[in-house]
Amino acid sequence: MTDTEHDRRGMLCALPLLTAGIGMLAAGCTVAQLPFPNLTEAEAHLAAALEALHRAPDRFGGHKAEAARLIRGALNEIELARLAFR
């Protein structure tokens, strides 16, 4: 048996173990999800909205600044909700 054939056989023997390991890793990642997925999703959307507001021009008569203030308040409320649950 050549070295190449030996290496190929070794890889083929390791394939089921590698597949099982990846499956176990994926299962572990599923278990280790964030405890508040809806709050996390809302927080991400609010953060994206805040970033979009920062990129917008300053010509909205103070309404852009007020929207940013309200979004920061909503982000704070999400954090308070997490703390209240613990």
C-alpha atoms as a PDB file:
ATOM      1  CA  MET A   1       0.000   0.000   0.000  1.00  0.00           C
ATOM      2  CA  THR A   2       1.405   3.416  -0.936  1.00  0.00           C
ATOM      3  CA  ASP A   3       1.524   6.386   1.383  1.00  0.00           C
ATOM      4  CA  THR A   4      -1.198   8.107  -0.655  1.00  0.00           C
ATOM      5  CA  GLU A   5      -3.523   5.107  -0.366  1.00  0.00           C
ATOM      6  CA  HIS A   6      -2.768   4.875   3.352  1.00  0.00           C
ATOM      7  CA  ASP A   7      -3.560   8.580   3.835  1.00  0.00           C
ATOM      8  CA  ARG A   8      -6.790   8.222   1.857  1.00  0.00           C
ATOM      9  CA  ARG A   9      -7.895   5.221   3.971  1.00  0.00           C
ATOM     10  CA  GLY A  10      -7.103   7.154   7.136  1.00  0.00           C
ATOM     11  CA  MET A  11      -9.210  10.082   5.971  1.00  0.00           C
ATOM     12  CA  LEU A  12     -12.103   7.800   5.034  1.00  0.00           C
ATOM     13  CA  CYS A  13     -11.961   6.147   8.463  1.00  0.00           C
ATOM     14  CA  ALA A  14     -11.930   9.557  10.158  1.00  0.00           C
ATOM     15  CA  LEU A  15     -14.886  10.898   8.156  1.00  0.00           C
ATOM     16  CA  PRO A  16     -17.643   9.365  10.370  1.00  0.00           C
ATOM     17  CA  LEU A  17     -15.932  10.709  13.482  1.00  0.00           C
ATOM     18  CA  LEU A  18     -15.586  14.162  11.929  1.00  0.00           C
ATOM     19  CA  THR A  19     -19.238  14.129  10.883  1.00  0.00           C
ATOM     20  CA  ALA A  20     -20.335  13.092  14.373  1.00  0.00           C
ATOM     21  CA  GLY A  21     -18.138  15.785  15.923  1.00  0.00           C
ATOM     22  CA  ILE A  22     -19.641  18.488  13.728  1.00  0.00           C
ATOM     23  CA  GLY A  23     -23.123  17.260  14.624  1.00  0.00           C
ATOM     24  CA  MET A  24     -22.329  17.399  18.334  1.00  0.00           C
ATOM     25  CA  LEU A  25     -20.868  20.885  17.945  1.00  0.00           C
ATOM     26  CA  ALA A  26     -23.995  22.068  16.143  1.00  0.00           C
ATOM     27  CA  ALA A  27     -26.198  20.549  18.850  1.00  0.00           C
ATOM     28  CA  GLY A  28     -24.126  22.282  21.525  1.00  0.00           C
ATOM     29  CA  CYS A  29     -24.502  25.612  19.755  1.00  0.00           C
ATOM     30  CA  THR A  30     -28.260  25.144  19.662  1.00  0.00           C
ATOM     31  CA  VAL A  31     -28.370  24.559  23.414  1.00  0.00           C
ATOM     32  CA  ALA A  32     -26.185  27.591  24.131  1.00  0.00           C
ATOM     33  CA  GLN A  33     -28.545  30.126  22.553  1.00  0.00           C
ATOM     34  CA  LEU A  34     -29.093  33.494  24.129  1.00  0.00           C
ATOM     35  CA  PRO A  35     -31.743  33.400  26.861  1.00  0.00           C
ATOM     36  CA  PHE A  36     -33.888  36.175  25.350  1.00  0.00           C
ATOM     37  CA  PRO A  37     -33.902  35.705  21.567  1.00  0.00           C
ATOM     38  CA  ASN A  38     -36.778  38.123  20.937  1.00  0.00           C
ATOM     39  CA  LEU A  39     -35.211  40.870  23.007  1.00  0.00           C
ATOM     40  CA  THR A  40     -31.886  40.264  21.283  1.00  0.00           C
ATOM     41  CA  GLU A  41     -33.530  40.514  17.870  1.00  0.00           C
ATOM     42  CA  ALA A  42     -35.356  43.716  18.804  1.00  0.00           C
ATOM     43  CA  GLU A  43     -32.129  45.168  20.192  1.00  0.00           C
ATOM     44  CA  ALA A  44     -30.304  44.422  16.937  1.00  0.00           C
ATOM     45  CA  HIS A  45     -33.045  46.100  14.900  1.00  0.00           C
ATOM     46  CA  LEU A  46     -33.042  49.153  17.140  1.00  0.00           C
ATOM     47  CA  ALA A  47     -29.253  49.416  16.960  1.00  0.00           C
ATOM     48  CA  ALA A  48     -29.444  49.222  13.157  1.00  0.00           C
ATOM     49  CA  ALA A  49     -32.126  51.930  13.129  1.00  0.00           C
ATOM     50  CA  LEU A  50     -29.958  54.150  15.321  1.00  0.00           C
ATOM     51  CA  GLU A  51     -27.007  53.679  12.941  1.00  0.00           C
ATOM     52  CA  ALA A  52     -29.229  54.548   9.968  1.00  0.00           C
ATOM     53  CA  LEU A  53     -30.366  57.716  11.734  1.00  0.00           C
ATOM     54  CA  HIS A  54     -26.765  58.738  12.388  1.00  0.00           C
ATOM     55  CA  ARG A  55     -26.045  58.437   8.658  1.00  0.00           C
ATOM     56  CA  ALA A  56     -29.086  60.551   7.721  1.00  0.00           C
ATOM     57  CA  PRO A  57     -28.633  64.279   7.095  1.00  0.00           C
ATOM     58  CA  ASP A  58     -29.497  66.786   9.835  1.00  0.00           C
ATOM     59  CA  ARG A  59     -32.412  68.548   8.170  1.00  0.00           C
ATOM     60  CA  PHE A  60     -35.487  67.209   9.881  1.00  0.00           C
ATOM     61  CA  GLY A  61     -36.220  69.985  12.353  1.00  0.00           C
ATOM     62  CA  GLY A  62     -35.011  68.064  15.402  1.00  0.00           C
ATOM     63  CA  HIS A  63     -37.152  65.005  14.704  1.00  0.00           C
ATOM     64  CA  LYS A  64     -34.123  62.882  13.810  1.00  0.00           C
ATOM     65  CA  ALA A  65     -32.522  63.711  17.164  1.00  0.00           C
ATOM     66  CA  GLU A  66     -35.773  62.938  18.972  1.00  0.00           C
ATOM     67  CA  ALA A  67     -36.089  59.596  17.160  1.00  0.00           C
ATOM     68  CA  ALA A  68     -32.503  58.745  18.172  1.00  0.00           C
ATOM     69  CA  ARG A  69     -33.288  59.678  21.790  1.00  0.00           C
ATOM     70  CA  LEU A  70     -36.358  57.445  21.793  1.00  0.00           C
ATOM     71  CA  ILE A  71     -34.422  54.533  20.280  1.00  0.00           C
ATOM     72  CA  ARG A  72     -31.724  54.887  22.944  1.00  0.00           C
ATOM     73  CA  GLY A  73     -34.514  54.839  25.527  1.00  0.00           C
ATOM     74  CA  ALA A  74     -35.939  51.661  23.986  1.00  0.00           C
ATOM     75  CA  LEU A  75     -32.490  50.033  24.068  1.00  0.00           C
ATOM     76  CA  ASN A  76     -32.235  50.974  27.739  1.00  0.00           C
ATOM     77  CA  GLU A  77     -35.664  49.456  28.425  1.00  0.00           C
ATOM     78  CA  ILE A  78     -34.567  46.190  26.803  1.00  0.00           C
ATOM     79  CA  GLU A  79     -31.572  46.067  29.121  1.00  0.00           C
ATOM     80  CA  LEU A  80     -33.816  46.797  32.118  1.00  0.00           C
ATOM     81  CA  ALA A  81     -36.154  43.989  31.010  1.00  0.00           C
ATOM     82  CA  ARG A  82     -33.240  41.553  30.976  1.00  0.00           C
ATOM     83  CA  LEU A  83     -32.139  42.671  34.431  1.00  0.00           C
ATOM     84  CA  ALA A  84     -35.678  42.414  35.825  1.00  0.00           C
ATOM     85  CA  PHE A  85     -35.985  38.832  34.646  1.00  0.00           C
ATOM     86  CA  ARG A  86     -32.870  37.624  36.503  1.00  0.00           C
END
